């Protein structure tokens, strides 16, 4: 049995949609999909194991999870699963270009240091459900400024989720309020620059500190900035190996490596196998 997605309402342009997502019983979506838009999933009830970019996460009721364009996603339901999906394109609202407005890029979306899930406590659930209901109502209304109304509700939802996520973030120095923003900015910078900036130096320059100081900031939570950068390169390499017909040398150049051999050795060092072997294994298991 497969995932049931019932699209209830959407803008005519396809820029924004709300869908009901549910499983009637235990089942698996065993074919990964590439996400083309930003997605916000609200799981109302049930339990499932989701896979995002080859990493598994257990989720249950009262949980959000967030997907960014280009990510690979699949889900296996362990119990009856029901929820809501909000999907929107960059031409409707772009967390990257509007980064200064809400600050959800690098925290909810494109967060390389934390789970893409956000579990909501029962006491806080009501305001999030109300926001989702407002979005549903707005989509059903025949009003001139529907896009502007939906964008307003979406922004409020993202602000509330961002604030909730920040409260979950462990501090990386003695100034707790500074920690989430440092993490978020670094995640966002890596997402934008990982194909050309493979080393810490350029990122530290943006923060106006030395590479050593930059590394020390993150070492306080047991995170290596170099590992974050390299992990992002590996994720993109796996995506390209899995979902495209590109040759290893093409992928190497696309990811900023001067020589295909350097890329192959890098990939093997991080994953334990060469890119060609990884791709062969995926083809055999599809």
Protein backbone atom coordinates (compact mmCIF):
# COMPACT_ATOMS: atom_id res chain seq x y z
CA UNK A 1 0.00 0.00 0.00
CA UNK A 2 1.27 3.48 -0.74
CA UNK A 3 1.04 6.89 0.82
CA UNK A 4 -2.29 8.64 0.27
CA UNK A 5 -2.00 12.35 -0.52
CA UNK A 6 -5.28 14.20 -0.92
CA UNK A 7 -4.74 17.70 -2.27
CA UNK A 8 -7.54 19.69 -0.74
CA UNK A 9 -6.77 23.18 -1.93
CA UNK A 10 -4.10 25.16 -3.72
CA UNK A 11 -3.41 28.39 -5.49
CA UNK A 12 -4.21 28.15 -9.18
CA UNK A 13 -0.59 28.93 -10.00
CA UNK A 14 0.58 25.88 -8.08
CA UNK A 15 2.85 28.05 -5.94
CA UNK A 16 1.28 26.94 -2.67
CA UNK A 17 -0.77 23.91 -1.63
CA UNK A 18 -2.17 22.18 1.41
CA UNK A 19 -2.75 18.43 1.40
CA UNK A 20 -3.98 15.77 3.78
CA UNK A 21 -1.50 12.91 4.09
CA UNK A 22 -2.48 9.58 5.60
CA UNK A 23 -1.89 5.86 5.77
CA UNK A 24 -4.85 3.56 6.32
CA UNK A 25 -2.63 0.86 7.80
CA UNK A 26 0.98 -0.21 8.03
CA UNK A 27 2.67 0.45 4.73
CA UNK A 28 5.80 1.73 3.07
CA UNK A 29 6.64 4.27 0.41
CA UNK A 30 9.72 2.39 -0.75
CA UNK A 31 10.45 4.61 -3.74
CA UNK A 32 12.35 7.71 -2.77
CA UNK A 33 11.18 11.02 -4.19
CA UNK A 34 13.16 14.18 -4.85
CA UNK A 35 11.52 17.16 -3.18
CA UNK A 36 11.03 20.05 -5.61
CA UNK A 37 9.49 22.62 -3.25
CA UNK A 38 9.74 23.54 0.40
CA UNK A 39 7.57 21.17 2.43
CA UNK A 40 6.20 21.42 5.95
CA UNK A 41 4.66 18.19 7.25
CA UNK A 42 2.51 18.20 10.39
CA UNK A 43 1.98 14.69 11.75
CA UNK A 44 -1.25 14.73 13.75
CA UNK A 45 -1.17 11.10 14.87
CA UNK A 46 0.59 7.81 14.22
CA UNK A 47 4.21 6.71 14.12
CA UNK A 48 6.58 6.41 11.20
CA UNK A 49 10.18 6.13 10.15
CA UNK A 50 11.10 8.76 7.60
CA UNK A 51 14.27 8.79 5.52
CA UNK A 52 15.71 12.11 4.39
CA UNK A 53 18.93 12.11 2.37
CA UNK A 54 19.69 8.52 3.45
CA UNK A 55 19.30 9.28 7.20
CA UNK A 56 16.45 7.72 9.23
CA UNK A 57 14.31 9.61 11.75
CA UNK A 58 11.54 8.25 13.98
CA UNK A 59 8.50 10.52 14.21
CA UNK A 60 5.18 10.44 16.03
CA UNK A 61 2.09 12.58 16.52
CA UNK A 62 2.40 16.31 17.27
CA UNK A 63 5.53 16.58 15.17
CA UNK A 64 6.58 18.82 12.29
CA UNK A 65 9.29 17.95 9.83
CA UNK A 66 10.73 20.19 7.14
CA UNK A 67 12.05 19.39 3.67
CA UNK A 68 14.02 21.59 1.28
CA UNK A 69 14.20 21.42 -2.53
CA UNK A 70 16.55 18.70 -3.72
CA UNK A 71 16.27 16.45 -0.68
CA UNK A 72 15.49 12.75 -1.10
CA UNK A 73 12.55 11.56 0.98
CA UNK A 74 10.69 8.34 1.79
CA UNK A 75 8.51 7.13 4.66
CA UNK A 76 7.47 3.89 6.33
CA UNK A 77 4.38 3.93 8.58
CA UNK A 78 4.37 1.79 11.70
CA UNK A 79 0.89 2.83 12.86
CA UNK A 80 -1.99 4.69 11.24
CA UNK A 81 -0.51 7.98 10.14
CA UNK A 82 -2.42 11.17 9.50
CA UNK A 83 -1.21 14.67 8.90
CA UNK A 84 -1.05 17.79 6.78
CA UNK A 85 1.46 18.87 4.17
CA UNK A 86 2.11 22.49 3.21
CA UNK A 87 4.15 22.88 0.02
CA UNK A 88 5.37 26.14 -1.44
CA UNK A 89 7.80 27.12 -4.17
CA UNK A 90 10.56 29.69 -4.06
CA UNK A 91 8.48 31.97 -6.27
CA UNK A 92 5.84 32.05 -3.50
CA UNK A 93 8.18 32.50 -0.54
CA UNK A 94 11.93 31.83 -0.43
CA UNK A 95 13.52 31.28 3.01
CA UNK A 96 16.95 31.97 1.48
CA UNK A 97 16.32 35.33 -0.14
CA UNK A 98 14.14 36.43 2.79
CA UNK A 99 16.62 35.18 5.35
CA UNK A 100 16.76 38.40 7.36
CA UNK A 101 12.99 38.43 7.72
CA UNK A 102 12.41 35.21 9.69
CA UNK A 103 15.71 33.37 9.95
CA UNK A 104 14.33 29.88 9.31
CA UNK A 105 16.90 29.02 6.63
CA UNK A 106 19.63 26.99 8.29
CA UNK A 107 17.35 26.18 11.22
CA UNK A 108 14.12 24.63 9.96
CA UNK A 109 15.33 24.19 6.39
CA UNK A 110 18.87 23.24 5.34
CA UNK A 111 19.93 22.51 8.91
CA UNK A 112 23.03 20.33 8.75
CA UNK A 113 23.52 20.11 12.50
CA UNK A 114 20.12 19.00 13.78
CA UNK A 115 17.17 16.76 13.01
CA UNK A 116 14.63 18.18 10.52
CA UNK A 117 11.88 17.24 12.99
CA UNK A 118 10.21 19.45 15.59
CA UNK A 119 8.13 17.77 18.29
CA UNK A 120 5.48 20.05 19.79
CA UNK A 121 4.42 19.67 23.40
CA UNK A 122 0.70 19.14 23.98
CA UNK A 123 0.40 22.48 25.81
CA UNK A 124 1.70 24.34 22.74
CA UNK A 125 -0.12 22.34 20.10
CA UNK A 126 -3.21 24.54 19.88
CA UNK A 127 -1.62 27.60 18.31
CA UNK A 128 0.04 25.52 15.57
CA UNK A 129 -3.20 23.71 14.75
CA UNK A 130 -5.00 27.07 14.61
CA UNK A 131 -2.43 28.38 12.13
CA UNK A 132 -2.84 25.32 9.90
CA UNK A 133 -6.61 25.77 10.05
CA UNK A 134 -6.22 29.42 9.08
CA UNK A 135 -4.22 28.38 6.03
CA UNK A 136 -6.93 25.89 5.06
CA UNK A 137 -9.62 28.55 5.42
CA UNK A 138 -7.61 31.10 3.44
CA UNK A 139 -7.16 28.68 0.56
CA UNK A 140 -10.92 28.13 0.43
CA UNK A 141 -11.74 31.83 0.39
CA UNK A 142 -12.44 33.65 -2.85
CA UNK A 143 -10.57 36.86 -2.09
CA UNK A 144 -8.49 39.19 -4.25
CA UNK A 145 -5.43 39.15 -1.99
CA UNK A 146 -5.36 35.39 -1.36
CA UNK A 147 -1.63 35.10 -2.01
CA UNK A 148 -0.84 37.89 0.43
CA UNK A 149 -3.11 36.35 3.07
CA UNK A 150 -1.52 32.92 2.67
CA UNK A 151 1.96 34.38 2.76
CA UNK A 152 1.12 36.12 6.03
CA UNK A 153 -0.13 32.91 7.63
CA UNK A 154 2.88 30.99 6.30
CA UNK A 155 5.27 33.55 7.78
CA UNK A 156 3.56 33.35 11.16
CA UNK A 157 3.80 29.55 11.09
CA UNK A 158 7.50 29.73 10.20
CA UNK A 159 8.15 32.32 12.92
CA UNK A 160 6.45 30.18 15.56
CA UNK A 161 8.33 27.04 14.44
CA UNK A 162 11.62 28.94 14.30
CA UNK A 163 11.20 30.28 17.83
CA UNK A 164 10.25 26.81 19.09
CA UNK A 165 13.27 25.26 17.37
CA UNK A 166 15.62 27.87 18.81
CA UNK A 167 14.54 26.97 22.31
CA UNK A 168 15.66 23.38 21.59
CA UNK A 169 19.15 24.41 20.47
CA UNK A 170 22.02 23.80 22.86
CA UNK A 171 24.31 26.83 23.43
CA UNK A 172 27.80 26.71 21.96
CA UNK A 173 29.15 29.39 24.26
CA UNK A 174 28.17 31.23 27.42
CA UNK A 175 25.77 33.51 25.58
CA UNK A 176 22.79 31.21 25.03
CA UNK A 177 20.89 33.66 22.83
CA UNK A 178 23.78 33.82 20.39
CA UNK A 179 24.05 30.09 19.80
CA UNK A 180 21.04 29.40 17.55
CA UNK A 181 21.89 32.32 15.28
CA UNK A 182 25.53 31.25 14.87
CA UNK A 183 24.41 27.71 14.03
CA UNK A 184 21.74 28.95 11.64
CA UNK A 185 24.05 31.36 9.81
CA UNK A 186 26.70 28.68 9.39
CA UNK A 187 24.18 26.17 8.04
CA UNK A 188 22.87 28.75 5.58
CA UNK A 189 26.38 29.69 4.46
CA UNK A 190 27.33 26.06 3.89
CA UNK A 191 24.17 25.44 1.87
CA UNK A 192 24.99 28.35 -0.41
CA UNK A 193 28.74 27.83 -0.75
CA UNK A 194 29.72 24.19 -0.19
CA UNK A 195 30.61 23.52 -3.87
CA UNK A 196 33.24 26.27 -3.84
CA UNK A 197 34.23 26.55 -0.16
CA UNK A 198 35.52 23.19 1.01
CA UNK A 199 37.63 24.60 3.85
CA UNK A 200 36.76 26.51 7.04
CA UNK A 201 38.64 29.70 6.12
CA UNK A 202 36.04 31.48 3.93
CA UNK A 203 33.26 30.76 6.44
CA UNK A 204 35.33 32.09 9.34
CA UNK A 205 36.06 35.21 7.27
CA UNK A 206 32.33 35.89 6.93
CA UNK A 207 32.04 35.72 10.73
CA UNK A 208 35.08 37.98 11.10
CA UNK A 209 37.10 35.55 13.20
CA UNK A 210 40.03 33.21 12.65
CA UNK A 211 39.58 29.62 11.56
CA UNK A 212 40.89 28.49 14.94
CA UNK A 213 38.37 30.59 16.87
CA UNK A 214 35.60 29.46 14.56
CA UNK A 215 36.45 25.82 15.18
CA UNK A 216 36.61 26.36 18.94
CA UNK A 217 33.12 27.85 18.98
CA UNK A 218 31.66 24.69 17.51
CA UNK A 219 33.89 22.31 19.42
CA UNK A 220 31.98 23.32 22.56
CA UNK A 221 29.03 21.28 21.31
CA UNK A 222 31.20 18.55 19.84
CA UNK A 223 30.74 19.65 16.23
CA UNK A 224 33.48 20.05 13.65
CA UNK A 225 32.78 22.76 11.04
CA UNK A 226 34.91 20.84 8.57
CA UNK A 227 32.75 17.77 9.07
CA UNK A 228 29.59 19.80 8.45
CA UNK A 229 31.01 21.10 5.15
CA UNK A 230 32.21 17.65 4.09
CA UNK A 231 28.95 15.99 5.08
CA UNK A 232 27.06 18.44 2.86
CA UNK A 233 29.35 17.57 -0.05
CA UNK A 234 28.71 13.86 0.55
CA UNK A 235 24.93 14.39 0.69
CA UNK A 236 24.94 16.17 -2.66
CA UNK A 237 27.24 13.57 -4.18
CA UNK A 238 24.87 10.80 -3.07
CA UNK A 239 21.87 12.67 -4.49
CA UNK A 240 23.57 13.10 -7.86
CA UNK A 241 24.79 9.51 -7.92
CA UNK A 242 21.33 8.22 -7.03
CA UNK A 243 19.02 10.37 -9.12
CA UNK A 244 21.05 11.41 -12.15
CA UNK A 245 22.94 9.67 -14.94
CA UNK A 246 25.96 11.92 -14.46
CA UNK A 247 29.38 10.34 -14.54
CA UNK A 248 31.61 10.48 -11.48
CA UNK A 249 33.91 12.99 -13.15
CA UNK A 250 30.97 15.29 -13.94
CA UNK A 251 29.86 15.17 -10.33
CA UNK A 252 33.40 15.84 -9.16
CA UNK A 253 33.65 19.05 -11.18
CA UNK A 254 30.12 20.12 -10.21
CA UNK A 255 31.08 19.84 -6.54
CA UNK A 256 34.22 21.92 -6.97
CA UNK A 257 36.93 19.24 -7.10
CA UNK A 258 39.83 19.90 -9.46
CA UNK A 259 40.37 16.22 -10.20
CA UNK A 260 37.90 13.31 -10.30
CA UNK A 261 40.44 11.23 -8.43
CA UNK A 262 40.46 13.68 -5.53
CA UNK A 263 36.68 13.47 -5.34
CA UNK A 264 36.69 9.66 -5.44
CA UNK A 265 39.24 9.50 -2.63
CA UNK A 266 37.29 12.08 -0.61
CA UNK A 267 34.05 10.13 -1.03
CA UNK A 268 35.69 6.85 -0.07
CA UNK A 269 37.29 8.46 2.99
CA UNK A 270 33.89 9.71 4.18
CA UNK A 271 31.68 6.75 3.24
CA UNK A 272 33.97 3.74 3.02
CA UNK A 273 33.33 3.14 -0.68
CA UNK A 274 34.13 4.75 -4.01
CA UNK A 275 31.41 6.74 -5.81
CA UNK A 276 31.19 4.21 -8.63
CA UNK A 277 30.67 1.38 -6.14
CA UNK A 278 28.01 3.38 -4.29
CA UNK A 279 26.11 4.00 -7.52
CA UNK A 280 26.41 0.36 -8.60
CA UNK A 281 24.99 -0.81 -5.27
CA UNK A 282 22.04 1.58 -5.57
CA UNK A 283 21.26 0.42 -9.10
CA UNK A 284 21.28 -3.21 -7.99
CA UNK A 285 18.88 -2.55 -5.08
CA UNK A 286 16.35 -0.39 -7.02
